[in-house]
Amino acid sequence: PDMYPGNCWAFKGSQGYLVVRLSMKIYPTAFTVEHIPKTLSPTGNITSAPRNFAVYGLDDEYQEEGKLLGEYVYEQDGEPLQMFPVMEEIEDAFQIVELRIFSNWGHAEYTCLYRFRVHGKP
């Protein structure tokens, strides 16, 4: 609910995934990822921020491989809130979206995700 340092969903290492069920099926148009700015970080860096990630649309939570909606890079020197448009041509609406994080900006122990939002049309 807030953006204080440490109030994040943290997972061990630099790779992980998050699956969210939306309140309704939508045609995704964009995603936002938010991390604290370097100025709020007690260490002065945000090496725990996600770096390379992809987003997939799933038909149900048991689906192993969803429909790729795009692959992206969260820029550590960019704005704390960054928006990423859907990159792939999609004809399906999804209620379940998977965020797959492949790397962070260098933190050896964990990766922090503060906010992930899905934007789209019902």
N, C-alpha and C. Protein backbone atom coordinates (compact mmCIF):
# COMPACT_ATOMS: atom_id res chain seq x y z
N PRO A 1 0.80 -1.23 0.00
CA PRO A 1 0.00 0.00 0.00
C PRO A 1 0.83 1.28 0.00
N ASP A 2 2.11 1.16 0.33
CA ASP A 2 2.96 2.36 0.35
C ASP A 2 4.29 2.04 -0.33
N MET A 3 5.09 3.06 -0.47
CA MET A 3 6.38 2.91 -1.17
C MET A 3 7.56 3.16 -0.24
N TYR A 4 7.49 2.68 1.00
CA TYR A 4 8.61 2.83 1.92
C TYR A 4 9.64 1.75 1.64
N PRO A 5 10.93 2.07 1.79
CA PRO A 5 11.97 1.06 1.56
C PRO A 5 11.70 -0.20 2.37
N GLY A 6 11.75 -1.33 1.70
CA GLY A 6 11.54 -2.62 2.37
C GLY A 6 10.11 -3.12 2.33
N ASN A 7 9.14 -2.24 2.05
CA ASN A 7 7.73 -2.66 1.97
C ASN A 7 7.45 -3.19 0.56
N CYS A 8 8.08 -4.31 0.25
CA CYS A 8 7.98 -4.88 -1.08
C CYS A 8 7.72 -6.37 -0.98
N TRP A 9 7.41 -6.97 -2.13
CA TRP A 9 7.36 -8.43 -2.20
C TRP A 9 8.76 -8.83 -2.62
N ALA A 10 9.49 -9.47 -1.72
CA ALA A 10 10.87 -9.86 -1.98
C ALA A 10 10.93 -11.37 -2.18
N PHE A 11 11.77 -11.79 -3.12
CA PHE A 11 11.99 -13.22 -3.29
C PHE A 11 13.49 -13.46 -3.40
N LYS A 12 13.89 -14.66 -3.00
CA LYS A 12 15.30 -15.03 -2.96
C LYS A 12 15.88 -15.09 -4.37
N GLY A 13 17.06 -14.55 -4.54
CA GLY A 13 17.75 -14.61 -5.82
C GLY A 13 17.28 -13.55 -6.79
N SER A 14 17.61 -13.77 -8.07
CA SER A 14 17.31 -12.77 -9.09
C SER A 14 16.24 -13.23 -10.08
N GLN A 15 15.72 -14.44 -9.89
CA GLN A 15 14.68 -14.96 -10.78
C GLN A 15 13.48 -15.42 -9.97
N GLY A 16 12.30 -15.04 -10.47
CA GLY A 16 11.08 -15.45 -9.80
C GLY A 16 9.88 -15.10 -10.65
N TYR A 17 8.72 -15.49 -10.18
CA TYR A 17 7.51 -15.16 -10.94
C TYR A 17 6.35 -14.89 -10.00
N LEU A 18 5.39 -14.18 -10.53
CA LEU A 18 4.19 -13.79 -9.80
C LEU A 18 3.01 -13.98 -10.74
N VAL A 19 1.97 -14.65 -10.27
CA VAL A 19 0.76 -14.83 -11.06
C VAL A 19 -0.38 -14.11 -10.36
N VAL A 20 -1.09 -13.25 -11.09
CA VAL A 20 -2.21 -12.50 -10.51
C VAL A 20 -3.49 -12.80 -11.28
N ARG A 21 -4.58 -12.89 -10.52
CA ARG A 21 -5.91 -13.03 -11.12
C ARG A 21 -6.58 -11.67 -11.05
N LEU A 22 -6.97 -11.16 -12.20
CA LEU A 22 -7.63 -9.86 -12.27
C LEU A 22 -9.11 -10.02 -11.94
N SER A 23 -9.78 -8.93 -11.65
CA SER A 23 -11.19 -8.99 -11.27
C SER A 23 -12.10 -9.38 -12.43
N MET A 24 -11.60 -9.22 -13.66
CA MET A 24 -12.36 -9.61 -14.85
C MET A 24 -11.40 -9.88 -15.99
N LYS A 25 -11.90 -10.51 -17.06
CA LYS A 25 -11.08 -10.70 -18.26
C LYS A 25 -10.89 -9.35 -18.93
N ILE A 26 -9.66 -9.08 -19.36
CA ILE A 26 -9.37 -7.84 -20.08
C ILE A 26 -8.46 -8.14 -21.28
N TYR A 27 -8.45 -7.20 -22.21
CA TYR A 27 -7.46 -7.20 -23.28
C TYR A 27 -6.32 -6.31 -22.79
N PRO A 28 -5.19 -6.89 -22.37
CA PRO A 28 -4.11 -6.08 -21.82
C PRO A 28 -3.55 -5.10 -22.85
N THR A 29 -3.25 -3.88 -22.40
CA THR A 29 -2.65 -2.88 -23.28
C THR A 29 -1.27 -2.44 -22.77
N ALA A 30 -1.05 -2.53 -21.46
CA ALA A 30 0.23 -2.09 -20.89
C ALA A 30 0.38 -2.64 -19.48
N PHE A 31 1.61 -2.52 -18.97
CA PHE A 31 1.92 -2.94 -17.60
C PHE A 31 2.77 -1.85 -16.97
N THR A 32 2.66 -1.69 -15.66
CA THR A 32 3.58 -0.79 -14.97
C THR A 32 4.28 -1.56 -13.86
N VAL A 33 5.55 -1.25 -13.71
CA VAL A 33 6.36 -1.79 -12.62
C VAL A 33 6.88 -0.59 -11.85
N GLU A 34 6.79 -0.69 -10.54
CA GLU A 34 7.22 0.44 -9.69
C GLU A 34 8.19 -0.06 -8.62
N HIS A 35 9.23 0.71 -8.40
CA HIS A 35 10.24 0.44 -7.38
C HIS A 35 10.54 1.77 -6.70
N ILE A 36 11.11 1.72 -5.51
CA ILE A 36 11.47 2.99 -4.86
C ILE A 36 12.58 3.67 -5.66
N PRO A 37 12.63 5.00 -5.63
CA PRO A 37 13.75 5.69 -6.30
C PRO A 37 15.04 5.53 -5.49
N LYS A 38 16.16 5.71 -6.16
CA LYS A 38 17.46 5.61 -5.49
C LYS A 38 17.55 6.57 -4.30
N THR A 39 16.90 7.73 -4.43
CA THR A 39 16.98 8.74 -3.36
C THR A 39 16.32 8.26 -2.07
N LEU A 40 15.39 7.32 -2.14
CA LEU A 40 14.75 6.79 -0.93
C LEU A 40 15.45 5.56 -0.38
N SER A 41 16.35 4.98 -1.18
CA SER A 41 17.02 3.75 -0.78
C SER A 41 18.06 4.04 0.30
N PRO A 42 18.06 3.29 1.41
CA PRO A 42 19.06 3.51 2.47
C PRO A 42 20.49 3.30 1.97
N THR A 43 20.68 2.49 0.93
CA THR A 43 22.03 2.23 0.40
C THR A 43 22.39 3.17 -0.75
N GLY A 44 21.42 3.94 -1.24
CA GLY A 44 21.67 4.85 -2.36
C GLY A 44 21.64 4.17 -3.71
N ASN A 45 21.30 2.87 -3.72
CA ASN A 45 21.17 2.16 -5.00
C ASN A 45 19.91 1.29 -4.96
N ILE A 46 19.52 0.80 -6.12
CA ILE A 46 18.35 -0.08 -6.18
C ILE A 46 18.72 -1.35 -6.96
N THR A 47 19.80 -2.00 -6.50
CA THR A 47 20.25 -3.22 -7.16
C THR A 47 19.25 -4.36 -7.02
N SER A 48 18.32 -4.26 -6.06
CA SER A 48 17.30 -5.30 -5.88
C SER A 48 16.11 -5.12 -6.83
N ALA A 49 16.11 -4.05 -7.62
CA ALA A 49 15.00 -3.82 -8.56
C ALA A 49 15.04 -4.84 -9.68
N PRO A 50 13.86 -5.25 -10.18
CA PRO A 50 13.84 -6.14 -11.34
C PRO A 50 14.55 -5.48 -12.52
N ARG A 51 15.16 -6.28 -13.37
CA ARG A 51 15.82 -5.76 -14.57
C ARG A 51 15.11 -6.32 -15.81
N ASN A 52 15.41 -7.53 -16.20
CA ASN A 52 14.78 -8.16 -17.36
C ASN A 52 13.56 -8.96 -16.92
N PHE A 53 12.45 -8.75 -17.61
CA PHE A 53 11.24 -9.50 -17.25
C PHE A 53 10.34 -9.66 -18.46
N ALA A 54 9.40 -10.57 -18.33
CA ALA A 54 8.41 -10.82 -19.39
C ALA A 54 7.04 -10.94 -18.73
N VAL A 55 6.00 -10.70 -19.51
CA VAL A 55 4.63 -10.82 -19.02
C VAL A 55 3.88 -11.76 -19.97
N TYR A 56 3.09 -12.65 -19.38
CA TYR A 56 2.33 -13.64 -20.12
C TYR A 56 0.86 -13.57 -19.71
N GLY A 57 -0.02 -13.85 -20.65
CA GLY A 57 -1.43 -14.01 -20.37
C GLY A 57 -1.74 -15.49 -20.29
N LEU A 58 -2.52 -15.90 -19.27
CA LEU A 58 -2.86 -17.30 -19.07
C LEU A 58 -4.36 -17.50 -19.14
N ASP A 59 -4.76 -18.66 -19.67
CA ASP A 59 -6.18 -19.01 -19.72
C ASP A 59 -6.69 -19.51 -18.38
N ASP A 60 -5.81 -20.18 -17.63
CA ASP A 60 -6.15 -20.61 -16.27
C ASP A 60 -4.85 -20.77 -15.48
N GLU A 61 -4.98 -20.92 -14.16
CA GLU A 61 -3.79 -20.94 -13.30
C GLU A 61 -2.96 -22.22 -13.45
N TYR A 62 -3.50 -23.23 -14.13
CA TYR A 62 -2.77 -24.50 -14.30
C TYR A 62 -1.99 -24.55 -15.61
N GLN A 63 -2.17 -23.55 -16.45
CA GLN A 63 -1.48 -23.50 -17.73
C GLN A 63 0.02 -23.30 -17.50
N GLU A 64 0.83 -24.16 -18.11
CA GLU A 64 2.28 -24.09 -17.89
C GLU A 64 2.93 -22.96 -18.66
N GLU A 65 2.53 -22.77 -19.91
CA GLU A 65 3.13 -21.74 -20.75
C GLU A 65 2.03 -20.85 -21.31
N GLY A 66 2.03 -19.61 -20.89
CA GLY A 66 1.01 -18.67 -21.35
C GLY A 66 1.39 -18.02 -22.67
N LYS A 67 0.60 -17.06 -23.06
CA LYS A 67 0.83 -16.28 -24.30
C LYS A 67 1.74 -15.11 -23.95
N LEU A 68 2.90 -15.04 -24.60
CA LEU A 68 3.85 -13.95 -24.35
C LEU A 68 3.22 -12.62 -24.78
N LEU A 69 3.20 -11.67 -23.85
CA LEU A 69 2.67 -10.33 -24.14
C LEU A 69 3.79 -9.32 -24.36
N GLY A 70 5.00 -9.66 -23.92
CA GLY A 70 6.13 -8.77 -24.14
C GLY A 70 7.29 -9.08 -23.21
N GLU A 71 8.49 -8.69 -23.65
CA GLU A 71 9.70 -8.78 -22.84
C GLU A 71 10.24 -7.37 -22.66
N TYR A 72 10.69 -7.06 -21.44
CA TYR A 72 10.99 -5.67 -21.10
C TYR A 72 12.22 -5.55 -20.21
N VAL A 73 12.67 -4.31 -20.05
CA VAL A 73 13.75 -3.99 -19.12
C VAL A 73 13.29 -2.81 -18.26
N TYR A 74 13.31 -3.01 -16.94
CA TYR A 74 13.06 -1.91 -16.00
C TYR A 74 14.39 -1.18 -15.85
N GLU A 75 14.41 0.12 -16.14
CA GLU A 75 15.64 0.91 -16.10
C GLU A 75 15.88 1.46 -14.70
N GLN A 76 16.99 1.08 -14.08
CA GLN A 76 17.27 1.54 -12.72
C GLN A 76 17.50 3.05 -12.64
N ASP A 77 17.90 3.67 -13.75
CA ASP A 77 18.11 5.12 -13.76
C ASP A 77 16.89 5.88 -14.28
N GLY A 78 15.80 5.14 -14.56
CA GLY A 78 14.58 5.77 -15.05
C GLY A 78 13.68 6.23 -13.91
N GLU A 79 12.46 6.58 -14.25
CA GLU A 79 11.48 6.96 -13.24
C GLU A 79 11.14 5.75 -12.36
N PRO A 80 10.73 5.98 -11.10
CA PRO A 80 10.36 4.86 -10.23
C PRO A 80 9.19 4.03 -10.80
N LEU A 81 8.23 4.70 -11.45
CA LEU A 81 7.10 4.02 -12.07
C LEU A 81 7.32 4.03 -13.58
N GLN A 82 7.44 2.84 -14.18
CA GLN A 82 7.70 2.73 -15.61
C GLN A 82 6.60 1.92 -16.27
N MET A 83 6.12 2.41 -17.42
CA MET A 83 5.04 1.76 -18.16
C MET A 83 5.60 1.06 -19.39
N PHE A 84 5.06 -0.14 -19.65
CA PHE A 84 5.52 -0.96 -20.76
C PHE A 84 4.31 -1.40 -21.58
N PRO A 85 4.24 -1.03 -22.87
CA PRO A 85 3.10 -1.43 -23.70
C PRO A 85 3.16 -2.91 -24.06
N VAL A 86 2.00 -3.51 -24.30
CA VAL A 86 1.95 -4.88 -24.81
C VAL A 86 2.68 -4.88 -26.16
N MET A 87 3.61 -5.81 -26.34
CA MET A 87 4.45 -5.82 -27.54
C MET A 87 3.93 -6.79 -28.60
N GLU A 88 3.21 -7.80 -28.17
CA GLU A 88 2.77 -8.84 -29.09
C GLU A 88 1.33 -8.60 -29.51
N GLU A 89 1.00 -9.02 -30.72
CA GLU A 89 -0.37 -8.95 -31.22
C GLU A 89 -1.22 -9.95 -30.45
N ILE A 90 -2.26 -9.45 -29.78
CA ILE A 90 -3.10 -10.38 -29.02
C ILE A 90 -4.56 -10.23 -29.46
N GLU A 91 -5.22 -11.37 -29.48
CA GLU A 91 -6.64 -11.38 -29.82
C GLU A 91 -7.47 -11.92 -28.67
N ASP A 92 -6.81 -12.33 -27.60
CA ASP A 92 -7.50 -12.94 -26.47
C ASP A 92 -7.55 -12.01 -25.28
N ALA A 93 -8.61 -12.16 -24.51
CA ALA A 93 -8.71 -11.47 -23.22
C ALA A 93 -8.20 -12.44 -22.15
N PHE A 94 -7.60 -11.90 -21.11
CA PHE A 94 -7.05 -12.73 -20.04
C PHE A 94 -7.52 -12.22 -18.68
N GLN A 95 -7.73 -13.15 -17.77
CA GLN A 95 -8.02 -12.78 -16.39
C GLN A 95 -6.82 -13.09 -15.50
N ILE A 96 -5.90 -13.91 -16.02
CA ILE A 96 -4.73 -14.29 -15.25
C ILE A 96 -3.48 -13.84 -16.02
N VAL A 97 -2.59 -13.15 -15.30
CA VAL A 97 -1.37 -12.60 -15.89
C VAL A 97 -0.18 -13.05 -15.05
N GLU A 98 0.88 -13.47 -15.74
CA GLU A 98 2.11 -13.90 -15.06
C GLU A 98 3.23 -12.93 -15.37
N LEU A 99 3.89 -12.47 -14.32
CA LEU A 99 5.09 -11.65 -14.43
C LEU A 99 6.27 -12.56 -14.12
N ARG A 100 7.18 -12.70 -15.07
CA ARG A 100 8.38 -13.53 -14.89
C ARG A 100 9.60 -12.62 -14.86
N ILE A 101 10.30 -12.62 -13.76
CA ILE A 101 11.51 -11.80 -13.62
C ILE A 101 12.72 -12.70 -13.86
N PHE A 102 13.56 -12.27 -14.81
CA PHE A 102 14.73 -13.07 -15.19
C PHE A 102 16.01 -12.60 -14.52
N SER A 103 16.07 -11.31 -14.13
CA SER A 103 17.28 -10.79 -13.49
C SER A 103 16.95 -9.51 -12.72
N ASN A 104 17.87 -9.13 -11.83
CA ASN A 104 17.75 -7.84 -11.15
C ASN A 104 18.99 -7.00 -11.50
N TRP A 105 19.15 -5.88 -10.80
CA TRP A 105 20.26 -4.97 -11.12
C TRP A 105 21.52 -5.27 -10.31
N GLY A 106 21.67 -6.50 -9.83
CA GLY A 106 22.94 -6.90 -9.23
C GLY A 106 22.90 -7.35 -7.78
N HIS A 107 21.73 -7.26 -7.12
CA HIS A 107 21.68 -7.71 -5.73
C HIS A 107 21.82 -9.23 -5.70
N ALA A 108 22.76 -9.72 -4.89
CA ALA A 108 23.08 -11.15 -4.89
C ALA A 108 22.06 -11.99 -4.11
N GLU A 109 21.36 -11.38 -3.14
CA GLU A 109 20.52 -12.18 -2.25
C GLU A 109 19.04 -12.20 -2.61
N TYR A 110 18.50 -11.07 -3.08
CA TYR A 110 17.05 -11.02 -3.32
C TYR A 110 16.69 -9.96 -4.35
N THR A 111 15.43 -10.05 -4.80
CA THR A 111 14.84 -9.08 -5.72
C THR A 111 13.57 -8.54 -5.06
N CYS A 112 13.32 -7.25 -5.19
CA CYS A 112 12.15 -6.61 -4.59
C CYS A 112 11.21 -6.09 -5.68
N LEU A 113 9.94 -6.40 -5.53
CA LEU A 113 8.92 -5.86 -6.41
C LEU A 113 7.96 -5.05 -5.55
N TYR A 114 7.85 -3.76 -5.84
CA TYR A 114 6.97 -2.89 -5.05
C TYR A 114 5.56 -2.87 -5.61
N ARG A 115 5.43 -2.62 -6.90
CA ARG A 115 4.10 -2.62 -7.51
C ARG A 115 4.17 -3.13 -8.93
N PHE A 116 3.15 -3.92 -9.29
CA PHE A 116 2.97 -4.40 -10.66
C PHE A 116 1.50 -4.17 -10.99
N ARG A 117 1.24 -3.46 -12.09
CA ARG A 117 -0.14 -3.18 -12.48
C ARG A 117 -0.35 -3.65 -13.91
N VAL A 118 -1.58 -4.08 -14.17
CA VAL A 118 -1.97 -4.50 -15.51
C VAL A 118 -3.03 -3.52 -15.99
N HIS A 119 -2.83 -2.95 -17.18
CA HIS A 119 -3.79 -2.00 -17.77
C HIS A 119 -4.41 -2.66 -18.99
N GLY A 120 -5.68 -2.36 -19.24
CA GLY A 120 -6.31 -2.95 -20.39
C GLY A 120 -7.76 -2.52 -20.55
N LYS A 121 -8.41 -3.18 -21.50
CA LYS A 121 -9.81 -2.88 -21.81
C LYS A 121 -10.65 -4.11 -21.50
N PRO A 122 -11.81 -3.92 -20.85
CA PRO A 122 -12.69 -5.07 -20.55
C PRO A 122 -13.20 -5.74 -21.83
